[in-house]
Amino acid sequence: MRIFVDADGCPVVQETVKLAREFRVPVTLVKNYAHVLHDDYAEIVTVDTTADSADYYIANHLSKDDIVVTQDNGLAAMCLSRQAIPINQNGLVIDDSNIITMLSGRHLHRELRSQGIYTSKAKKRKKGSDRAFEDSLRKLLLEVTEDGAE
C-alpha cells in the first residue's frame, strides 16, 4: 500500500506526510514543475504543466488499496476503477456510493460556468478542516492496515 497525493495546490500535504510517516506507509507527492515541494520522507515526482499530468501519473502508477488524496473528482473516479481509495482534502472518502453525485455536480458546475451563470470562488479553508482531514485519514489508515494484517 502507498499513499499518492495530487499535490498541486493540495492544502493537506503536510498532514498526509505526517500520518504516512507515523503509519510507515510510503507516500508519493505528485506535482508539476511550477510547484516547489521538499520533504525528507516523501517521494516527490515532478510532471509537466499540461492539464491533468499529475492525475494521469497517479492513475497509471497506483495499485489496489492505495490511498489517493485529491480534490479532483475525475481522478477519484479513475482511482475507484483501479480499486484504490480516494479521499478529498476535507476527509471525505470517495466510494461507489457517492462518486456519481460528485461527478454530476462537477459536470453541472462546469456547464453553469461556461454559460456565465455560475462562477465559483474557493472559500477560505477553515482551521478545523485540516483536523477533520487528519482524523478521517487516520481512521482510513487504521482500517486499511488492519485489513492488510489479517
C-alpha atoms as a PDB file:
ATOM      1  CA  MET A   1       0.000   0.000   0.000  1.00  0.00           C
ATOM      2  CA  ARG A   2       1.113   3.518  -0.819  1.00  0.00           C
ATOM      3  CA  ILE A   3      -0.395   6.988  -0.465  1.00  0.00           C
ATOM      4  CA  PHE A   4      -0.385   9.237  -3.527  1.00  0.00           C
ATOM      5  CA  VAL A   5      -1.076  12.952  -3.172  1.00  0.00           C
ATOM      6  CA  ASP A   6      -2.275  15.093  -6.075  1.00  0.00           C
ATOM      7  CA  ALA A   7      -0.049  17.786  -4.612  1.00  0.00           C
ATOM      8  CA  ASP A   8      -0.671  20.750  -6.937  1.00  0.00           C
ATOM      9  CA  GLY A   9      -2.435  23.157  -4.617  1.00  0.00           C
ATOM     10  CA  CYS A  10      -3.302  20.453  -2.065  1.00  0.00           C
ATOM     11  CA  PRO A  11      -3.813  22.061   1.354  1.00  0.00           C
ATOM     12  CA  VAL A  12      -3.127  18.867   3.347  1.00  0.00           C
ATOM     13  CA  VAL A  13       0.265  17.705   2.062  1.00  0.00           C
ATOM     14  CA  GLN A  14       1.991  18.118   5.442  1.00  0.00           C
ATOM     15  CA  GLU A  15      -0.791  16.334   7.325  1.00  0.00           C
ATOM     16  CA  THR A  16      -0.674  13.452   4.853  1.00  0.00           C
ATOM     17  CA  VAL A  17       3.092  13.039   5.079  1.00  0.00           C
ATOM     18  CA  LYS A  18       2.948  13.206   8.873  1.00  0.00           C
ATOM     19  CA  LEU A  19       0.429  10.355   9.022  1.00  0.00           C
ATOM     20  CA  ALA A  20       2.233   8.334   6.335  1.00  0.00           C
ATOM     21  CA  ARG A  21       5.398   8.535   8.405  1.00  0.00           C
ATOM     22  CA  GLU A  22       3.520   7.606  11.585  1.00  0.00           C
ATOM     23  CA  PHE A  23       1.978   4.533   9.914  1.00  0.00           C
ATOM     24  CA  ARG A  24       5.199   3.751   7.999  1.00  0.00           C
ATOM     25  CA  VAL A  25       3.391   3.892   4.687  1.00  0.00           C
ATOM     26  CA  PRO A  26       5.253   5.134   1.607  1.00  0.00           C
ATOM     27  CA  VAL A  27       3.911   8.403   0.227  1.00  0.00           C
ATOM     28  CA  THR A  28       4.369   9.925  -3.218  1.00  0.00           C
ATOM     29  CA  LEU A  29       3.684  13.609  -3.821  1.00  0.00           C
ATOM     30  CA  VAL A  30       2.920  14.264  -7.484  1.00  0.00           C
ATOM     31  CA  LYS A  31       3.240  17.879  -8.598  1.00  0.00           C
ATOM     32  CA  ASN A  32       4.025  19.835 -11.706  1.00  0.00           C
ATOM     33  CA  TYR A  33       7.310  21.711 -12.017  1.00  0.00           C
ATOM     34  CA  ALA A  34       5.626  25.037 -11.248  1.00  0.00           C
ATOM     35  CA  HIS A  35       5.289  23.949  -7.596  1.00  0.00           C
ATOM     36  CA  VAL A  36       8.172  23.531  -5.181  1.00  0.00           C
ATOM     37  CA  LEU A  37       7.996  20.820  -2.525  1.00  0.00           C
ATOM     38  CA  HIS A  38      10.676  19.338  -0.302  1.00  0.00           C
ATOM     39  CA  ASP A  39      10.304  16.508   2.167  1.00  0.00           C
ATOM     40  CA  ASP A  40      12.752  14.049   3.663  1.00  0.00           C
ATOM     41  CA  TYR A  41      10.193  11.219   3.903  1.00  0.00           C
ATOM     42  CA  ALA A  42       8.042  11.508   0.790  1.00  0.00           C
ATOM     43  CA  GLU A  43       8.976  10.581  -2.734  1.00  0.00           C
ATOM     44  CA  ILE A  44       8.392  13.652  -4.894  1.00  0.00           C
ATOM     45  CA  VAL A  45       7.501  13.181  -8.553  1.00  0.00           C
ATOM     46  CA  THR A  46       7.501  16.184 -10.863  1.00  0.00           C
ATOM     47  CA  VAL A  47       5.414  16.132 -14.036  1.00  0.00           C
ATOM     48  CA  ASP A  48       4.925  18.756 -16.732  1.00  0.00           C
ATOM     49  CA  THR A  49       2.325  21.512 -16.518  1.00  0.00           C
ATOM     50  CA  THR A  50      -0.072  20.190 -19.151  1.00  0.00           C
ATOM     51  CA  ALA A  51      -3.634  19.627 -17.993  1.00  0.00           C
ATOM     52  CA  ASP A  52      -4.119  16.536 -15.840  1.00  0.00           C
ATOM     53  CA  SER A  53      -0.469  15.394 -15.997  1.00  0.00           C
ATOM     54  CA  ALA A  54      -0.396  14.699 -12.256  1.00  0.00           C
ATOM     55  CA  ASP A  55      -3.760  12.912 -12.450  1.00  0.00           C
ATOM     56  CA  TYR A  56      -2.608  10.617 -15.242  1.00  0.00           C
ATOM     57  CA  TYR A  57       0.675   9.880 -13.494  1.00  0.00           C
ATOM     58  CA  ILE A  58      -1.178   8.835 -10.360  1.00  0.00           C
ATOM     59  CA  ALA A  59      -3.795   6.794 -12.224  1.00  0.00           C
ATOM     60  CA  ASN A  60      -1.066   4.939 -14.131  1.00  0.00           C
ATOM     61  CA  HIS A  61       1.054   4.145 -11.063  1.00  0.00           C
ATOM     62  CA  LEU A  62      -1.419   3.228  -8.351  1.00  0.00           C
ATOM     63  CA  SER A  63      -2.373  -0.251  -7.225  1.00  0.00           C
ATOM     64  CA  LYS A  64      -5.323  -1.826  -5.485  1.00  0.00           C
ATOM     65  CA  ASP A  65      -5.856  -0.433  -1.981  1.00  0.00           C
ATOM     66  CA  ASP A  66      -3.534   2.558  -2.480  1.00  0.00           C
ATOM     67  CA  ILE A  67      -4.892   5.757  -0.960  1.00  0.00           C
ATOM     68  CA  VAL A  68      -5.101   8.862  -3.151  1.00  0.00           C
ATOM     69  CA  VAL A  69      -5.516  12.341  -1.684  1.00  0.00           C
ATOM     70  CA  THR A  70      -7.143  14.532  -4.327  1.00  0.00           C
ATOM     71  CA  GLN A  71      -9.552  17.406  -4.832  1.00  0.00           C
ATOM     72  CA  ASP A  72     -10.288  16.186  -8.357  1.00  0.00           C
ATOM     73  CA  ASN A  73     -13.427  14.064  -8.719  1.00  0.00           C
ATOM     74  CA  GLY A  74     -12.349  12.883 -12.162  1.00  0.00           C
ATOM     75  CA  LEU A  75      -9.135  11.462 -10.690  1.00  0.00           C
ATOM     76  CA  ALA A  76     -11.167   9.975  -7.839  1.00  0.00           C
ATOM     77  CA  ALA A  77     -13.310   8.104 -10.396  1.00  0.00           C
ATOM     78  CA  MET A  78     -10.177   6.768 -12.110  1.00  0.00           C
ATOM     79  CA  CYS A  79      -8.872   5.632  -8.721  1.00  0.00           C
ATOM     80  CA  LEU A  80     -12.081   3.751  -7.957  1.00  0.00           C
ATOM     81  CA  SER A  81     -11.828   1.943 -11.289  1.00  0.00           C
ATOM     82  CA  ARG A  82      -8.376   0.711 -10.170  1.00  0.00           C
ATOM     83  CA  GLN A  83      -9.728  -0.305  -6.722  1.00  0.00           C
ATOM     84  CA  ALA A  84      -7.775   2.430  -4.974  1.00  0.00           C
ATOM     85  CA  ILE A  85      -9.250   4.575  -2.197  1.00  0.00           C
ATOM     86  CA  PRO A  86      -9.640   8.301  -2.915  1.00  0.00           C
ATOM     87  CA  ILE A  87     -10.069  10.803  -0.099  1.00  0.00           C
ATOM     88  CA  ASN A  88     -10.535  14.533  -0.587  1.00  0.00           C
ATOM     89  CA  GLN A  89      -8.904  17.407   1.275  1.00  0.00           C
ATOM     90  CA  ASN A  90     -11.860  17.614   3.654  1.00  0.00           C
ATOM     91  CA  GLY A  91     -11.591  13.966   4.683  1.00  0.00           C
ATOM     92  CA  LEU A  92     -14.447  12.595   2.587  1.00  0.00           C
ATOM     93  CA  VAL A  93     -13.658   9.064   1.484  1.00  0.00           C
ATOM     94  CA  ILE A  94     -14.975   8.748  -2.051  1.00  0.00           C
ATOM     95  CA  ASP A  95     -16.576   5.445  -2.998  1.00  0.00           C
ATOM     96  CA  ASP A  96     -19.121   3.917  -5.343  1.00  0.00           C
ATOM     97  CA  SER A  97     -21.979   5.291  -3.238  1.00  0.00           C
ATOM     98  CA  ASN A  98     -21.058   8.962  -3.720  1.00  0.00           C
ATOM     99  CA  ILE A  99     -18.925   9.279  -6.869  1.00  0.00           C
ATOM    100  CA  ILE A 100     -21.855   9.613  -9.316  1.00  0.00           C
ATOM    101  CA  THR A 101     -23.308  12.506  -7.335  1.00  0.00           C
ATOM    102  CA  MET A 102     -19.904  14.174  -7.170  1.00  0.00           C
ATOM    103  CA  LEU A 103     -19.272  13.774 -10.900  1.00  0.00           C
ATOM    104  CA  SER A 104     -22.774  15.052 -11.700  1.00  0.00           C
ATOM    105  CA  GLY A 105     -22.145  18.159  -9.601  1.00  0.00           C
ATOM    106  CA  ARG A 106     -18.791  18.650 -11.306  1.00  0.00           C
ATOM    107  CA  HIS A 107     -20.476  18.490 -14.715  1.00  0.00           C
ATOM    108  CA  LEU A 108     -23.323  20.809 -13.706  1.00  0.00           C
ATOM    109  CA  HIS A 109     -20.949  23.436 -12.319  1.00  0.00           C
ATOM    110  CA  ARG A 110     -18.783  23.273 -15.436  1.00  0.00           C
ATOM    111  CA  GLU A 111     -21.881  23.813 -17.624  1.00  0.00           C
ATOM    112  CA  LEU A 112     -23.084  26.738 -15.496  1.00  0.00           C
ATOM    113  CA  ARG A 113     -19.630  28.354 -15.561  1.00  0.00           C
ATOM    114  CA  SER A 114     -19.430  28.017 -19.353  1.00  0.00           C
ATOM    115  CA  GLN A 115     -22.779  29.828 -19.616  1.00  0.00           C
ATOM    116  CA  GLY A 116     -21.641  32.575 -17.242  1.00  0.00           C
ATOM    117  CA  ILE A 117     -24.412  31.682 -14.795  1.00  0.00           C
ATOM    118  CA  TYR A 118     -22.208  30.390 -12.038  1.00  0.00           C
ATOM    119  CA  THR A 119     -18.712  31.328 -11.033  1.00  0.00           C
ATOM    120  CA  SER A 120     -17.091  29.622  -8.130  1.00  0.00           C
ATOM    121  CA  LYS A 121     -14.525  31.088  -5.831  1.00  0.00           C
ATOM    122  CA  ALA A 122     -12.643  28.875  -3.457  1.00  0.00           C
ATOM    123  CA  LYS A 123     -13.741  29.578   0.072  1.00  0.00           C
ATOM    124  CA  LYS A 124     -11.104  30.212   2.679  1.00  0.00           C
ATOM    125  CA  ARG A 125     -10.177  26.955   4.363  1.00  0.00           C
ATOM    126  CA  LYS A 126     -11.388  26.726   7.951  1.00  0.00           C
ATOM    127  CA  LYS A 127      -8.988  25.842  10.742  1.00  0.00           C
ATOM    128  CA  GLY A 128     -10.946  22.713  11.641  1.00  0.00           C
ATOM    129  CA  SER A 129     -10.805  21.375   8.075  1.00  0.00           C
ATOM    130  CA  ASP A 130      -7.221  20.154   8.391  1.00  0.00           C
ATOM    131  CA  ARG A 131      -8.076  18.390  11.643  1.00  0.00           C
ATOM    132  CA  ALA A 132     -11.150  16.750  10.069  1.00  0.00           C
ATOM    133  CA  PHE A 133      -8.986  15.538   7.176  1.00  0.00           C
ATOM    134  CA  GLU A 134      -6.352  14.201   9.545  1.00  0.00           C
ATOM    135  CA  ASP A 135      -8.955  12.347  11.639  1.00  0.00           C
ATOM    136  CA  SER A 136     -10.506  10.811   8.541  1.00  0.00           C
ATOM    137  CA  LEU A 137      -7.172   9.753   7.012  1.00  0.00           C
ATOM    138  CA  ARG A 138      -6.051   8.270  10.345  1.00  0.00           C
ATOM    139  CA  LYS A 139      -9.264   6.227  10.539  1.00  0.00           C
ATOM    140  CA  LEU A 140      -8.811   5.079   6.939  1.00  0.00           C
ATOM    141  CA  LEU A 141      -5.183   4.083   7.560  1.00  0.00           C
ATOM    142  CA  LEU A 142      -6.206   2.129  10.657  1.00  0.00           C
ATOM    143  CA  GLU A 143      -8.866   0.274   8.653  1.00  0.00           C
ATOM    144  CA  VAL A 144      -6.603  -0.477   5.688  1.00  0.00           C
ATOM    145  CA  THR A 145      -3.590  -1.523   7.749  1.00  0.00           C
ATOM    146  CA  GLU A 146      -5.744  -3.760   9.987  1.00  0.00           C
ATOM    147  CA  ASP A 147      -7.359  -5.388   6.932  1.00  0.00           C
ATOM    148  CA  GLY A 148      -3.947  -5.986   5.413  1.00  0.00           C
ATOM    149  CA  ALA A 149      -2.623  -7.515   8.630  1.00  0.00           C
ATOM    150  CA  GLU A 150      -5.329 -10.170   8.785  1.00  0.00           C
END
